[in-house]
Amino acid sequence: MEDLRHRGVAALLGSAEGVEVVGEADGGAEAVALAAKLAPDVVLMGLQLGAGMDGVEATRRITADSAGAVHVLVLTTYDTDADITRAIEAGATGYLLKAERPEELFTAVHSAAAGRTTLSAPVAPRVMARMRSPRPGLTDRERDILGQLARGLTNRDIAKALLLSEATVKTHLGRIYDKLGVDTRAGAVAVAKEQRLLP
């Protein structure tokens, strides 16, 4: 069965009944500008858009600028909990994986245009599970370490700055990653900024 990774999405949508493609953007900033100019019912948004503004920030700006009148449907190959959470918290109406069949995309676009939430089948149970059991908050020490991480310090430098052992810093970082649903330093900082956990 053909999936969305093997056909141009704009061309595919242009062939769908009741769907008109009114513009295409090459990056986040251009997407925000076009959404403001064209006021479409739905914006299909990727997450990784190259240099500059990413899809989450573009989603946040589009939904804020339009007061929710423009619905953003994320279409991506990324399906980590952190990516899903960040997109939804930024205001995305739906989250669709590119492995879906074209018919699923058409249905999702129509649902998003009506303001209805659409989640890919593999994504939906994870969102529900996360809502039922939200991750515990960060401790003061974890926030301290996260703040040092955001400054770009190494584990050794963090240990020196906070008068801890490197092993203790690594233990705290593991807990921070678990709580934020990430597995990298950059991911932890990105989510912390999204959730306003950093000063």
Protein backbone atom coordinates (compact mmCIF):
# COMPACT_ATOMS: atom_id res chain seq x y z
CA MET A 1 0.00 0.00 0.00
CA GLU A 2 1.33 3.40 -0.97
CA ASP A 3 2.02 5.85 1.86
CA LEU A 4 2.66 9.59 2.13
CA ARG A 5 6.43 9.27 2.00
CA HIS A 6 6.33 8.33 -1.67
CA ARG A 7 4.27 11.12 -3.18
CA GLY A 8 4.47 14.88 -3.12
CA VAL A 9 2.04 15.98 -0.44
CA ALA A 10 0.97 19.17 -2.24
CA ALA A 11 0.27 17.25 -5.46
CA LEU A 12 -1.54 14.58 -3.51
CA LEU A 13 -3.73 17.11 -1.73
CA GLY A 14 -4.41 18.95 -4.97
CA SER A 15 -6.05 15.77 -6.26
CA ALA A 16 -8.32 15.42 -3.22
CA GLU A 17 -11.96 16.38 -3.42
CA GLY A 18 -12.83 19.50 -1.44
CA VAL A 19 -9.18 20.46 -0.83
CA GLU A 20 -7.44 23.45 -2.41
CA VAL A 21 -3.71 24.04 -1.92
CA VAL A 22 -3.28 27.81 -1.64
CA GLY A 23 0.43 28.04 -0.84
CA GLU A 24 3.67 26.26 0.00
CA ALA A 25 6.45 27.48 2.29
CA ASP A 26 10.12 26.51 2.44
CA GLY A 27 10.63 27.20 6.15
CA GLY A 28 9.02 28.13 9.44
CA ALA A 29 9.22 31.91 9.05
CA GLU A 30 7.77 31.74 5.54
CA ALA A 31 4.99 29.46 6.76
CA VAL A 32 4.04 31.99 9.45
CA ALA A 33 4.04 34.83 6.93
CA LEU A 34 2.00 32.89 4.36
CA ALA A 35 -0.52 31.77 6.96
CA ALA A 36 -1.03 35.39 8.01
CA LYS A 37 -1.41 36.50 4.38
CA LEU A 38 -3.59 33.68 3.05
CA ALA A 39 -5.53 32.70 6.20
CA PRO A 40 -6.01 29.06 5.16
CA ASP A 41 -8.31 26.73 7.05
CA VAL A 42 -5.46 24.26 7.61
CA VAL A 43 -1.66 24.42 7.56
CA LEU A 44 0.22 21.15 7.11
CA MET A 45 3.37 21.51 9.18
CA GLY A 46 6.58 19.52 9.31
CA LEU A 47 8.72 19.58 12.46
CA GLN A 48 12.23 19.80 11.06
CA LEU A 49 12.30 22.68 8.61
CA GLY A 50 16.02 23.24 8.17
CA ALA A 51 17.82 26.29 9.52
CA GLY A 52 15.80 28.87 11.40
CA MET A 53 12.39 28.46 12.97
CA ASP A 54 11.27 24.87 13.53
CA GLY A 55 7.77 23.52 13.03
CA VAL A 56 6.80 23.75 16.70
CA GLU A 57 7.61 27.46 16.93
CA ALA A 58 5.91 28.11 13.58
CA THR A 59 2.83 26.26 14.86
CA ARG A 60 2.78 28.35 18.02
CA ARG A 61 2.99 31.60 16.07
CA ILE A 62 0.39 30.66 13.49
CA THR A 63 -2.17 29.57 16.08
CA ALA A 64 -1.48 32.63 18.24
CA ASP A 65 -1.53 35.12 15.35
CA SER A 66 -4.78 33.71 13.98
CA ALA A 67 -6.39 33.33 17.43
CA GLY A 68 -6.95 29.68 16.57
CA ALA A 69 -8.75 30.36 13.28
CA VAL A 70 -5.98 28.64 11.30
CA HIS A 71 -5.65 24.98 12.28
CA VAL A 72 -2.22 23.37 12.14
CA LEU A 73 -1.96 19.68 11.29
CA VAL A 74 1.51 18.28 11.90
CA LEU A 75 2.64 15.81 9.23
CA THR A 76 5.94 14.20 10.12
CA THR A 77 8.04 11.08 10.41
CA TYR A 78 8.98 11.99 14.00
CA ASP A 79 6.95 10.16 16.62
CA THR A 80 8.79 10.60 19.91
CA ASP A 81 6.74 11.56 22.96
CA ALA A 82 8.67 14.82 23.20
CA ASP A 83 7.90 15.82 19.58
CA ILE A 84 4.22 14.95 19.95
CA THR A 85 3.88 16.82 23.24
CA ARG A 86 5.69 19.91 22.01
CA ALA A 87 3.54 20.12 18.88
CA ILE A 88 0.26 19.70 20.73
CA GLU A 89 1.26 22.18 23.43
CA ALA A 90 2.14 24.66 20.67
CA GLY A 91 -1.47 24.46 19.44
CA ALA A 92 -1.46 21.78 16.74
CA THR A 93 -4.94 20.47 15.99
CA GLY A 94 -3.60 17.09 14.93
CA TYR A 95 -0.50 14.95 14.57
CA LEU A 96 -0.22 12.64 11.58
CA LEU A 97 2.65 10.35 10.62
CA LYS A 98 3.81 10.22 7.02
CA ALA A 99 3.47 6.44 7.00
CA GLU A 100 -0.33 6.89 6.87
CA ARG A 101 -2.27 6.16 3.67
CA PRO A 102 -3.30 9.16 1.53
CA GLU A 103 -6.96 8.59 2.48
CA GLU A 104 -6.02 9.13 6.13
CA LEU A 105 -4.42 12.46 5.21
CA PHE A 106 -7.54 13.61 3.37
CA THR A 107 -9.72 12.70 6.34
CA ALA A 108 -7.33 14.43 8.74
CA VAL A 109 -7.29 17.63 6.69
CA HIS A 110 -11.10 17.78 6.62
CA SER A 111 -11.24 17.07 10.36
CA ALA A 112 -8.65 19.76 11.11
CA ALA A 113 -10.55 22.27 8.97
CA ALA A 114 -13.58 21.60 11.19
CA GLY A 115 -11.45 22.06 14.31
CA ARG A 116 -11.51 18.38 15.23
CA THR A 117 -8.42 16.72 16.65
CA THR A 118 -6.82 14.00 14.54
CA LEU A 119 -4.04 11.72 15.75
CA SER A 120 -2.34 8.88 13.90
CA ALA A 121 -3.28 5.50 15.32
CA PRO A 122 0.20 4.89 16.84
CA VAL A 123 0.16 8.37 18.43
CA ALA A 124 -3.29 8.44 20.03
CA PRO A 125 -2.78 5.88 22.83
CA ARG A 126 0.51 7.53 23.81
CA VAL A 127 -1.15 10.93 24.10
CA MET A 128 -3.92 9.45 26.20
CA ALA A 129 -1.45 7.61 28.46
CA ARG A 130 0.52 10.78 28.96
CA MET A 131 -2.61 12.71 29.90
CA ARG A 132 -3.65 10.03 32.38
CA SER A 133 -0.26 9.92 34.09
CA PRO A 134 1.62 13.17 33.57
CA ARG A 135 5.32 13.09 34.25
CA PRO A 136 6.39 14.26 37.70
CA GLY A 137 7.80 17.76 37.96
CA LEU A 138 11.48 18.52 38.20
CA THR A 139 13.13 18.91 41.59
CA ASP A 140 15.02 22.11 42.44
CA ARG A 141 18.32 20.30 41.90
CA GLU A 142 17.17 19.02 38.51
CA ARG A 143 16.18 22.54 37.55
CA ASP A 144 19.62 23.77 38.59
CA ILE A 145 21.28 21.14 36.43
CA LEU A 146 18.96 21.87 33.52
CA GLY A 147 19.86 25.54 33.77
CA GLN A 148 23.57 24.69 33.55
CA LEU A 149 22.84 22.34 30.66
CA ALA A 150 21.13 25.19 28.80
CA ARG A 151 24.33 27.22 29.16
CA GLY A 152 26.14 24.51 27.25
CA LEU A 153 28.21 23.20 30.16
CA THR A 154 29.66 19.68 30.16
CA ASN A 155 28.87 17.22 32.95
CA ARG A 156 32.24 17.98 34.48
CA ASP A 157 31.61 21.74 34.42
CA ILE A 158 28.11 21.27 35.87
CA ALA A 159 29.57 19.14 38.65
CA LYS A 160 32.12 21.85 39.48
CA ALA A 161 29.56 24.66 39.34
CA LEU A 162 27.10 22.87 41.63
CA LEU A 163 29.68 21.15 43.85
CA LEU A 164 28.53 17.66 42.86
CA SER A 165 30.23 14.55 41.54
CA GLU A 166 29.99 13.80 37.82
CA ALA A 167 28.19 10.55 38.69
CA THR A 168 25.53 12.53 40.57
CA VAL A 169 25.12 14.88 37.60
CA LYS A 170 24.67 11.88 35.26
CA THR A 171 22.06 10.38 37.58
CA HIS A 172 20.12 13.66 37.66
CA LEU A 173 20.37 14.01 33.87
CA GLY A 174 18.88 10.54 33.45
CA ARG A 175 15.93 11.53 35.62
CA ILE A 176 15.53 14.83 33.76
CA TYR A 177 15.46 12.98 30.41
CA ASP A 178 12.82 10.56 31.73
CA LYS A 179 10.63 13.33 33.08
CA LEU A 180 10.85 15.40 29.90
CA GLY A 181 10.46 12.41 27.57
CA VAL A 182 13.75 13.01 25.73
CA ASP A 183 17.03 11.19 25.28
CA THR A 184 19.50 13.95 24.42
CA ARG A 185 20.89 17.10 26.01
CA ALA A 186 19.58 19.23 23.15
CA GLY A 187 16.15 17.63 23.47
CA ALA A 188 16.06 18.36 27.20
CA VAL A 189 16.91 22.03 26.64
CA ALA A 190 14.37 22.36 23.81
CA VAL A 191 11.54 20.86 25.87
CA ALA A 192 12.54 22.89 28.92
CA LYS A 193 12.26 26.06 26.85
CA GLU A 194 8.91 24.97 25.43
CA GLN A 195 7.55 24.26 28.91
CA ARG A 196 9.14 27.41 30.34
CA LEU A 197 11.19 25.45 32.86
CA LEU A 198 14.17 27.71 32.36
CA PRO A 199 14.45 31.28 33.69
